[in-house]
Amino acid sequence: MHDIKSIRENPTAFDEAMHRRGVSAQSDKLLALDANWRAAVSAKQSAETARNAASKQIGAAKGRGDDAEFNRLREEVTALKAMMETQGQLEAEHGSALRNLLLSLPGVMATDVPDGDDETANVELRRVGIPTELGFTAKDHAELGEALGLLDFEAAAKISGSRFAFLKGDLARLERALANFMLDVQTQENGFTEIAPPLLVRDIAVIGTGQLPKFADDLFRTTSDHWLIPTAEVPLTNLARDAIHDEAGLPHRYCAYTPCFRSEAGSTGKDTRGLIRMHQFMKVEMVTICAPEQSVAEHERMVAAAEMVLQKLGLAYRVMVLCSGDTGFGATKTYDLDVWLPSQNCYREISSISNCGDFQARRMNARCRVEGEKQTRFVHTLNGSGIAVGRALLAVMENYQREDGSIEIPAVLRPFMGGQESIK
């Protein structure tokens, strides 16, 4: 969501910001709707003021016995009421059109986001760890899991369709171990508060975080008009909704382990094999609500929190800053963590951490203020994977595979696996 006042003050800067997003100039359209809305508001208020004044005069005319003036004033009040109704309808129509257009436009990116059309222009900041050298031909996670009898796509397809899977036995336990390990890291070492949130949310929640109205096709909707969460970002961020937060108590840092549901609209033909792109997957999500001047530092802190998980798992990865053409709809700036996958001989995304500035806060009316002061301002919101459990599972499987098809369990996960050292 955007501040229409700032667009009025500097429409050129707004259009330039949209141009970086690949969006045509919008300020003329927005300002025309804004002018029509304000004109309707002003006309309605003027009519209401005139009606109130005429209504007071009606009693005086009746008291004087001035029937002509009494009748004239009654007709004037009737006409003014009709004008108020007409202008009220125009106010609602123009206001709705303005709000809908504002909701459809992406956020303004930070000035240090590199320009580029797509992921090929993303900038690598650093690599951490040495890519695994197995000494034999790597199998991908799907082949490993199916050979062990612990990963079943065929059975899942029979009851759910494509992009679903059954995890069985030790593989299901390993996924649970990863989640518990990640939650312990984020809560005990990085100061996040664990939340068990709702998995079904209403329109206002997904409008608040920016999935609606633009990305409805990417979501699953129930017959009760609820949405299945695409990520715990949605309920966690909405904890700040319609509230004024004491700045002294910020930041609020939350994390949650939940299933995530995505239709994967537009991903036909992409990553059709294995666990990389599923309709249902597990993720540990991090969300931070903070004062505006805290968000840049909090962004770096969240990246470090996600990196800590990969470092403890002994997985090689790289850190990328996304270019303008690959930055998400509501983000001002995004870092991706890409983990090394031996079977593909490349890095693949495992975590994405975004600073959304006040973009989501404006949509949720989430504010903060210094205690004792009247002035409020919008909070900043950040979100990121801490990390995607399903992708961590496949990364562990591939990087810790043995030539005989067994999988070594990383040392940090063994306490969550009853001391078990491998999956055979």
Protein backbone atom coordinates (compact mmCIF):
# COMPACT_ATOMS: atom_id res chain seq x y z
CA MET A 1 0.00 0.00 0.00
CA HIS A 2 1.22 3.48 -0.78
CA ASP A 3 0.83 6.88 0.85
CA ILE A 4 -1.31 8.95 -1.51
CA LYS A 5 -0.07 12.12 0.19
CA SER A 6 3.53 11.38 -0.80
CA ILE A 7 2.38 10.60 -4.35
CA ARG A 8 0.66 14.01 -4.50
CA GLU A 9 3.85 15.68 -3.30
CA ASN A 10 6.23 13.85 -5.65
CA PRO A 11 4.45 11.96 -8.45
CA THR A 12 7.62 11.78 -10.58
CA ALA A 13 9.51 9.88 -7.88
CA PHE A 14 6.62 7.43 -7.54
CA ASP A 15 6.49 6.77 -11.27
CA GLU A 16 10.25 6.21 -11.31
CA ALA A 17 9.87 3.70 -8.47
CA MET A 18 7.17 1.85 -10.43
CA HIS A 19 9.32 1.92 -13.55
CA ARG A 20 12.01 -0.02 -11.65
CA ARG A 21 9.30 -2.63 -11.03
CA GLY A 22 8.42 -2.82 -14.72
CA VAL A 23 5.12 -1.00 -14.07
CA SER A 24 4.01 1.90 -16.25
CA ALA A 25 3.51 5.39 -14.77
CA GLN A 26 0.53 5.39 -12.42
CA SER A 27 0.57 8.81 -10.77
CA ASP A 28 -1.80 10.52 -13.26
CA LYS A 29 -4.42 7.83 -12.79
CA LEU A 30 -4.01 7.79 -9.01
CA LEU A 31 -4.13 11.56 -8.68
CA ALA A 32 -7.24 11.81 -10.89
CA LEU A 33 -9.04 9.28 -8.68
CA ASP A 34 -7.76 11.08 -5.60
CA ALA A 35 -8.99 14.46 -6.90
CA ASN A 36 -12.42 13.02 -7.70
CA TRP A 37 -12.61 11.41 -4.26
CA ARG A 38 -11.61 14.60 -2.46
CA ALA A 39 -14.08 16.65 -4.54
CA ALA A 40 -16.88 14.27 -3.57
CA VAL A 41 -15.88 14.42 0.09
CA SER A 42 -15.81 18.24 -0.02
CA ALA A 43 -19.17 18.48 -1.84
CA LYS A 44 -20.78 16.08 0.64
CA GLN A 45 -19.45 18.05 3.60
CA SER A 46 -20.61 21.34 2.11
CA ALA A 47 -24.09 19.94 1.49
CA GLU A 48 -24.21 18.59 5.04
CA THR A 49 -23.21 21.97 6.49
CA ALA A 50 -25.84 23.74 4.39
CA ARG A 51 -28.49 21.19 5.36
CA ASN A 52 -27.75 21.62 9.07
CA ALA A 53 -27.99 25.40 8.76
CA ALA A 54 -31.28 25.20 6.82
CA SER A 55 -32.70 22.72 9.31
CA LYS A 56 -32.12 25.18 12.16
CA GLN A 57 -33.90 27.93 10.20
CA ILE A 58 -36.97 25.78 9.61
CA GLY A 59 -38.01 25.97 13.27
CA ALA A 60 -37.55 29.74 13.34
CA ALA A 61 -39.67 30.20 10.19
CA LYS A 62 -42.43 28.03 11.62
CA GLY A 63 -42.33 30.01 14.88
CA ARG A 64 -42.78 33.27 12.93
CA GLY A 65 -45.61 31.78 10.97
CA ASP A 66 -43.72 32.34 7.71
CA ASP A 67 -45.18 29.45 5.72
CA ALA A 68 -43.49 30.45 2.46
CA GLU A 69 -40.02 30.46 4.04
CA PHE A 70 -40.84 27.24 5.93
CA ASN A 71 -41.76 25.42 2.73
CA ARG A 72 -38.76 26.81 0.85
CA LEU A 73 -36.40 25.64 3.54
CA ARG A 74 -37.99 22.18 3.61
CA GLU A 75 -37.46 21.85 -0.14
CA GLU A 76 -33.89 23.06 0.26
CA VAL A 77 -33.19 20.46 2.98
CA THR A 78 -34.67 17.72 0.79
CA ALA A 79 -32.48 18.78 -2.13
CA LEU A 80 -29.39 18.94 0.09
CA LYS A 81 -30.09 15.45 1.47
CA ALA A 82 -30.28 14.14 -2.10
CA MET A 83 -26.99 15.88 -2.90
CA MET A 84 -25.36 14.34 0.18
CA GLU A 85 -26.50 10.90 -0.93
CA THR A 86 -25.23 11.43 -4.47
CA GLN A 87 -21.85 12.75 -3.31
CA GLY A 88 -21.63 9.96 -0.73
CA GLN A 89 -22.01 7.40 -3.49
CA LEU A 90 -19.35 9.16 -5.57
CA GLU A 91 -17.08 9.30 -2.53
CA ALA A 92 -17.45 5.55 -2.04
CA GLU A 93 -16.95 4.77 -5.75
CA HIS A 94 -13.86 6.94 -6.21
CA GLY A 95 -12.44 5.88 -2.83
CA SER A 96 -12.87 2.21 -3.68
CA ALA A 97 -11.29 2.65 -7.11
CA LEU A 98 -8.37 4.53 -5.58
CA ARG A 99 -7.84 1.91 -2.86
CA ASN A 100 -8.06 -0.98 -5.35
CA LEU A 101 -5.48 0.62 -7.62
CA LEU A 102 -3.15 1.30 -4.70
CA LEU A 103 -3.55 -2.29 -3.49
CA SER A 104 -2.62 -3.62 -6.93
CA LEU A 105 0.71 -1.78 -7.12
CA PRO A 106 4.01 -3.25 -5.83
CA GLY A 107 6.11 -1.69 -3.11
CA VAL A 108 8.86 0.85 -3.61
CA MET A 109 12.29 -0.82 -3.54
CA ALA A 110 15.35 0.34 -1.64
CA THR A 111 17.76 2.42 -3.68
CA ASP A 112 20.55 -0.15 -3.26
CA VAL A 113 18.57 -2.97 -4.90
CA PRO A 114 20.43 -3.77 -8.14
CA ASP A 115 18.54 -3.22 -11.39
CA GLY A 116 17.77 -6.21 -13.59
CA ASP A 117 14.99 -8.00 -15.42
CA ASP A 118 15.10 -11.43 -13.78
CA GLU A 119 17.06 -13.80 -11.53
CA THR A 120 20.04 -13.76 -13.88
CA ALA A 121 20.76 -10.22 -12.63
CA ASN A 122 20.77 -11.18 -8.95
CA VAL A 123 24.06 -10.36 -7.22
CA GLU A 124 26.03 -12.92 -5.23
CA LEU A 125 27.34 -11.44 -1.97
CA ARG A 126 29.23 -14.40 -0.52
CA ARG A 127 29.63 -18.17 -0.44
CA VAL A 128 29.89 -20.08 2.80
CA GLY A 129 31.19 -23.64 3.05
CA ILE A 130 32.67 -25.93 0.42
CA PRO A 131 30.28 -27.71 -1.94
CA THR A 132 30.08 -31.41 -1.13
CA GLU A 133 32.35 -33.70 -3.13
CA LEU A 134 30.93 -37.20 -2.78
CA GLY A 135 33.50 -39.15 -4.78
CA PHE A 136 30.71 -40.94 -6.65
CA THR A 137 27.79 -40.01 -8.89
CA ALA A 138 25.22 -38.18 -6.75
CA LYS A 139 21.64 -39.41 -6.68
CA ASP A 140 18.90 -36.86 -6.31
CA HIS A 141 16.73 -36.89 -3.20
CA ALA A 142 13.75 -38.44 -4.99
CA GLU A 143 15.82 -41.41 -6.15
CA LEU A 144 17.35 -41.81 -2.70
CA GLY A 145 14.04 -41.65 -0.88
CA GLU A 146 12.23 -43.99 -3.23
CA ALA A 147 15.07 -46.54 -3.11
CA LEU A 148 14.85 -46.52 0.69
CA GLY A 149 11.08 -47.03 0.49
CA LEU A 150 10.56 -43.84 2.51
CA LEU A 151 9.39 -41.40 -0.16
CA ASP A 152 6.26 -42.18 -2.17
CA PHE A 153 5.04 -39.81 -4.86
CA GLU A 154 2.90 -42.38 -6.67
CA ALA A 155 0.67 -43.12 -3.67
CA ALA A 156 0.25 -39.41 -2.99
CA ALA A 157 -0.70 -38.76 -6.62
CA LYS A 158 -3.50 -41.31 -6.39
CA ILE A 159 -5.25 -39.43 -3.60
CA SER A 160 -4.07 -35.83 -4.07
CA GLY A 161 -2.63 -35.42 -7.56
CA SER A 162 0.79 -34.15 -8.57
CA ARG A 163 3.14 -32.16 -6.32
CA PHE A 164 2.29 -34.13 -3.17
CA ALA A 165 4.30 -36.82 -1.40
CA PHE A 166 4.20 -39.34 1.42
CA LEU A 167 7.20 -39.28 3.75
CA LYS A 168 7.53 -42.51 5.71
CA GLY A 169 9.44 -43.90 8.67
CA ASP A 170 12.86 -42.42 9.29
CA LEU A 171 12.39 -39.79 6.55
CA ALA A 172 9.25 -38.45 8.21
CA ARG A 173 11.11 -38.47 11.51
CA LEU A 174 14.04 -36.62 9.93
CA GLU A 175 11.72 -33.91 8.68
CA ARG A 176 10.29 -33.54 12.19
CA ALA A 177 13.82 -33.48 13.63
CA LEU A 178 14.78 -30.67 11.25
CA ALA A 179 11.76 -28.61 12.29
CA ASN A 180 12.43 -29.08 16.00
CA PHE A 181 16.10 -28.24 15.50
CA MET A 182 15.24 -25.05 13.57
CA LEU A 183 12.70 -23.92 16.15
CA ASP A 184 15.23 -24.42 18.93
CA VAL A 185 17.83 -22.40 17.02
CA GLN A 186 15.45 -19.53 16.34
CA THR A 187 13.87 -19.40 19.79
CA GLN A 188 16.80 -20.28 22.05
CA GLU A 189 19.67 -18.68 20.12
CA ASN A 190 18.08 -15.94 18.02
CA GLY A 191 15.38 -14.59 20.32
CA PHE A 192 12.25 -15.37 18.31
CA THR A 193 9.01 -16.20 20.12
CA GLU A 194 7.40 -19.40 18.87
CA ILE A 195 3.78 -19.04 17.76
CA ALA A 196 1.26 -21.73 16.78
CA PRO A 197 -0.93 -19.70 14.37
CA PRO A 198 -4.20 -20.40 12.51
CA LEU A 199 -3.77 -22.09 9.14
CA LEU A 200 -7.00 -20.60 7.75
CA VAL A 201 -7.32 -16.83 7.39
CA ARG A 202 -9.82 -14.33 6.05
CA ASP A 203 -9.46 -11.87 3.17
CA ILE A 204 -8.21 -9.04 5.37
CA ALA A 205 -5.19 -11.08 6.44
CA VAL A 206 -3.94 -11.89 2.93
CA ILE A 207 -4.74 -8.37 1.75
CA GLY A 208 -2.65 -7.11 4.64
CA THR A 209 0.43 -9.08 3.64
CA GLY A 210 -0.04 -8.43 -0.08
CA GLN A 211 -1.12 -11.79 -1.53
CA LEU A 212 -4.54 -10.34 -2.34
CA PRO A 213 -5.84 -9.07 -4.63
CA LYS A 214 -3.01 -9.63 -7.12
CA PHE A 215 -2.02 -13.23 -6.34
CA ALA A 216 -5.33 -14.96 -5.64
CA ASP A 217 -4.51 -17.66 -8.21
CA ASP A 218 -1.49 -18.69 -6.15
CA LEU A 219 -3.64 -19.53 -3.12
CA PHE A 220 -6.11 -22.22 -2.10
CA ARG A 221 -9.56 -21.01 -1.00
CA THR A 222 -12.09 -22.94 1.05
CA THR A 223 -15.86 -23.04 0.58
CA SER A 224 -16.17 -20.98 3.78
CA ASP A 225 -14.23 -18.12 2.15
CA HIS A 226 -11.10 -18.78 4.18
CA TRP A 227 -7.65 -19.04 2.59
CA LEU A 228 -5.10 -21.73 3.39
CA ILE A 229 -1.95 -19.89 4.40
CA PRO A 230 0.80 -19.84 1.74
CA THR A 231 3.27 -19.20 4.57
CA ALA A 232 3.09 -18.41 8.29
CA GLU A 233 4.12 -14.86 7.30
CA VAL A 234 0.41 -14.15 6.87
CA PRO A 235 -0.90 -14.85 10.38
CA LEU A 236 2.32 -13.79 12.13
CA THR A 237 2.52 -10.39 10.42
CA ASN A 238 -1.17 -9.79 11.05
CA LEU A 239 -0.50 -9.98 14.80
CA ALA A 240 0.40 -6.29 14.36
CA ARG A 241 -2.90 -5.42 12.63
CA ASP A 242 -5.03 -2.46 13.77
CA ALA A 243 -2.83 -1.69 16.76
CA ILE A 244 -0.52 1.04 18.03
CA HIS A 245 2.66 -0.50 19.40
CA ASP A 246 4.90 1.08 22.01
CA GLU A 247 8.21 1.74 20.27
CA ALA A 248 10.09 0.92 23.46
CA GLY A 249 8.80 -2.65 23.18
CA LEU A 250 9.90 -3.14 19.59
CA PRO A 251 11.02 -5.19 17.78
CA HIS A 252 8.64 -8.13 18.09
CA ARG A 253 10.20 -11.29 16.68
CA TYR A 254 8.03 -14.32 15.93
CA CYS A 255 8.60 -17.73 14.41
CA ALA A 256 6.26 -20.60 13.54
CA TYR A 257 6.42 -24.11 12.14
CA THR A 258 3.47 -24.73 9.83
CA PRO A 259 2.38 -26.44 6.67
CA CYS A 260 2.20 -24.04 3.72
CA PHE A 261 -0.18 -24.36 0.79
CA ARG A 262 0.45 -22.96 -2.67
CA SER A 263 -1.25 -23.64 -5.99
CA GLU A 264 2.04 -23.00 -7.83
CA ALA A 265 0.12 -21.16 -10.56
CA GLY A 266 2.39 -20.51 -13.50
CA SER A 267 4.95 -23.14 -12.51
CA THR A 268 3.86 -25.76 -15.03
CA GLY A 269 6.87 -27.81 -16.04
CA LYS A 270 9.14 -26.39 -13.32
CA ASP A 271 10.68 -28.76 -10.77
CA THR A 272 8.11 -31.46 -11.42
CA ARG A 273 10.33 -34.12 -9.86
CA GLY A 274 10.89 -34.37 -6.13
CA LEU A 275 10.18 -32.09 -3.19
CA ILE A 276 11.40 -28.74 -4.47
CA ARG A 277 8.06 -27.29 -5.61
CA MET A 278 5.08 -28.75 -3.77
CA HIS A 279 1.47 -27.75 -3.18
CA GLN A 280 1.94 -28.56 0.51
CA PHE A 281 5.22 -28.24 2.39
CA MET A 282 6.56 -27.50 5.87
CA LYS A 283 8.43 -24.36 6.82
CA VAL A 284 9.79 -22.53 9.83
CA GLU A 285 8.97 -18.87 9.22
CA MET A 286 10.42 -15.77 10.89
CA VAL A 287 8.59 -12.42 11.14
CA THR A 288 9.78 -9.19 12.71
CA ILE A 289 7.70 -6.11 13.56
CA CYS A 290 9.89 -3.10 14.29
CA ALA A 291 10.25 0.67 14.29
CA PRO A 292 11.24 2.14 10.89
CA GLU A 293 14.85 2.91 11.82
CA GLN A 294 15.36 -0.67 13.07
CA SER A 295 14.41 -2.53 9.89
CA VAL A 296 17.72 -2.43 8.00
CA ALA A 297 19.60 -3.93 10.95
CA GLU A 298 16.78 -6.42 11.61
CA HIS A 299 16.99 -7.54 7.98
CA GLU A 300 20.66 -8.42 8.38
CA ARG A 301 19.92 -10.10 11.72
CA MET A 302 17.26 -12.33 10.13
CA VAL A 303 19.64 -13.34 7.34
CA ALA A 304 22.20 -14.33 9.97
CA ALA A 305 19.52 -16.34 11.83
CA ALA A 306 18.71 -18.33 8.68
CA GLU A 307 22.40 -18.77 7.87
CA MET A 308 22.99 -20.20 11.35
CA VAL A 309 20.70 -23.13 10.53
CA LEU A 310 22.62 -23.99 7.36
CA GLN A 311 25.97 -23.59 9.09
CA LYS A 312 25.00 -25.93 11.93
CA LEU A 313 23.77 -28.47 9.37
CA GLY A 314 27.11 -28.25 7.57
CA LEU A 315 25.52 -27.29 4.25
CA ALA A 316 27.33 -25.11 1.72
CA TYR A 317 25.33 -22.08 0.56
CA ARG A 318 25.53 -18.67 -1.00
CA VAL A 319 23.85 -15.36 -0.17
CA MET A 320 22.22 -13.41 -2.99
CA VAL A 321 20.65 -9.95 -3.13
CA LEU A 322 17.75 -9.99 -5.56
CA CYS A 323 17.58 -7.54 -8.44
CA SER A 324 14.61 -5.28 -9.14
CA GLY A 325 13.01 -7.73 -11.57
CA ASP A 326 13.15 -10.62 -9.09
CA THR A 327 12.20 -8.77 -5.89
CA GLY A 328 8.82 -9.77 -4.50
CA PHE A 329 5.68 -7.65 -4.74
CA GLY A 330 5.75 -6.18 -1.24
CA ALA A 331 9.48 -6.21 -0.52
CA THR A 332 11.77 -3.22 -0.43
CA LYS A 333 14.79 -5.55 -0.51
CA THR A 334 15.28 -9.32 -0.45
CA TYR A 335 18.15 -11.67 0.27
CA ASP A 336 18.04 -15.29 -0.86
CA LEU A 337 20.03 -18.16 0.62
CA ASP A 338 20.80 -20.85 -1.96
CA VAL A 339 21.95 -24.28 -0.74
CA TRP A 340 24.27 -26.62 -2.66
CA LEU A 341 22.58 -29.67 -4.23
CA PRO A 342 25.08 -32.30 -5.48
CA SER A 343 22.60 -33.95 -7.86
CA GLN A 344 22.08 -30.69 -9.74
CA ASN A 345 25.66 -29.46 -9.26
CA CYS A 346 24.32 -26.00 -8.40
CA TYR A 347 22.83 -23.84 -5.68
CA ARG A 348 19.04 -23.74 -5.18
CA GLU A 349 16.97 -21.37 -3.07
CA ILE A 350 16.25 -22.56 0.46
CA SER A 351 15.39 -19.28 2.20
CA SER A 352 14.18 -15.84 1.18
CA ILE A 353 14.31 -12.95 3.67
CA SER A 354 12.56 -9.67 2.86
CA ASN A 355 12.27 -6.22 4.38
CA CYS A 356 8.82 -4.90 3.46
CA GLY A 357 9.25 -1.45 4.99
CA ASP A 358 5.84 0.07 5.77
CA PHE A 359 4.16 -1.53 2.73
CA GLN A 360 2.30 -4.20 4.70
CA ALA A 361 1.82 -1.98 7.76
CA ARG A 362 -0.19 0.53 5.74
CA ARG A 363 -2.45 -2.26 4.50
CA MET A 364 -2.90 -3.53 8.09
CA ASN A 365 -2.99 -0.14 9.85
CA ALA A 366 -0.14 -1.25 12.12
CA ARG A 367 1.47 1.71 13.87
CA CYS A 368 3.91 2.58 16.63
CA ARG A 369 4.66 5.59 18.79
CA VAL A 370 6.88 6.74 21.59
CA GLU A 371 5.09 6.58 24.94
CA GLY A 372 3.56 9.92 25.89
CA GLU A 373 3.56 11.29 22.34
CA LYS A 374 0.46 11.69 20.15
CA GLN A 375 2.19 11.24 16.80
CA THR A 376 2.16 7.70 15.38
CA ARG A 377 3.94 6.18 12.40
CA PHE A 378 3.70 2.92 10.55
CA VAL A 379 5.84 0.03 11.73
CA HIS A 380 8.13 -1.88 9.39
CA THR A 381 7.61 -5.59 8.79
CA LEU A 382 10.09 -8.28 7.73
CA ASN A 383 9.67 -11.95 6.94
CA GLY A 384 11.84 -14.87 5.94
CA SER A 385 12.26 -18.63 5.98
CA GLY A 386 14.15 -19.85 8.96
CA ILE A 387 14.19 -22.19 6.97
CA ALA A 388 12.10 -24.20 4.47
CA VAL A 389 12.00 -27.63 6.12
CA GLY A 390 11.21 -29.62 2.96
CA ARG A 391 14.11 -28.12 1.05
CA ALA A 392 16.40 -28.59 4.04
CA LEU A 393 15.35 -32.24 4.11
CA LEU A 394 16.29 -32.81 0.48
CA ALA A 395 19.53 -30.86 0.93
CA VAL A 396 20.51 -33.07 3.88
CA MET A 397 19.57 -36.20 1.94
CA GLU A 398 21.70 -35.26 -1.04
CA ASN A 399 24.72 -33.82 0.78
CA TYR A 400 24.87 -36.62 3.36
CA GLN A 401 24.17 -39.53 1.01
CA ARG A 402 26.50 -42.53 0.91
CA GLU A 403 27.43 -44.59 -2.09
CA ASP A 404 25.33 -47.53 -0.84
CA GLY A 405 22.19 -45.32 -0.84
CA SER A 406 22.07 -44.76 2.91
CA ILE A 407 21.98 -41.25 4.41
CA GLU A 408 24.14 -40.03 7.27
CA ILE A 409 22.26 -37.96 9.84
CA PRO A 410 24.03 -34.65 10.64
CA ALA A 411 25.35 -34.56 14.20
CA VAL A 412 23.10 -31.65 15.25
CA LEU A 413 19.99 -33.65 14.31
CA ARG A 414 20.89 -36.88 16.12
CA PRO A 415 19.53 -35.73 19.50
CA PHE A 416 16.16 -35.28 17.79
CA MET A 417 16.47 -38.78 16.25
CA GLY A 418 17.15 -40.70 19.46
CA GLY A 419 20.87 -40.80 18.70
CA GLN A 420 20.36 -42.48 15.32
CA GLU A 421 23.37 -41.91 13.02
CA SER A 422 22.07 -42.95 9.61
CA ILE A 423 19.04 -43.91 7.56
CA LYS A 424 19.40 -47.24 5.76
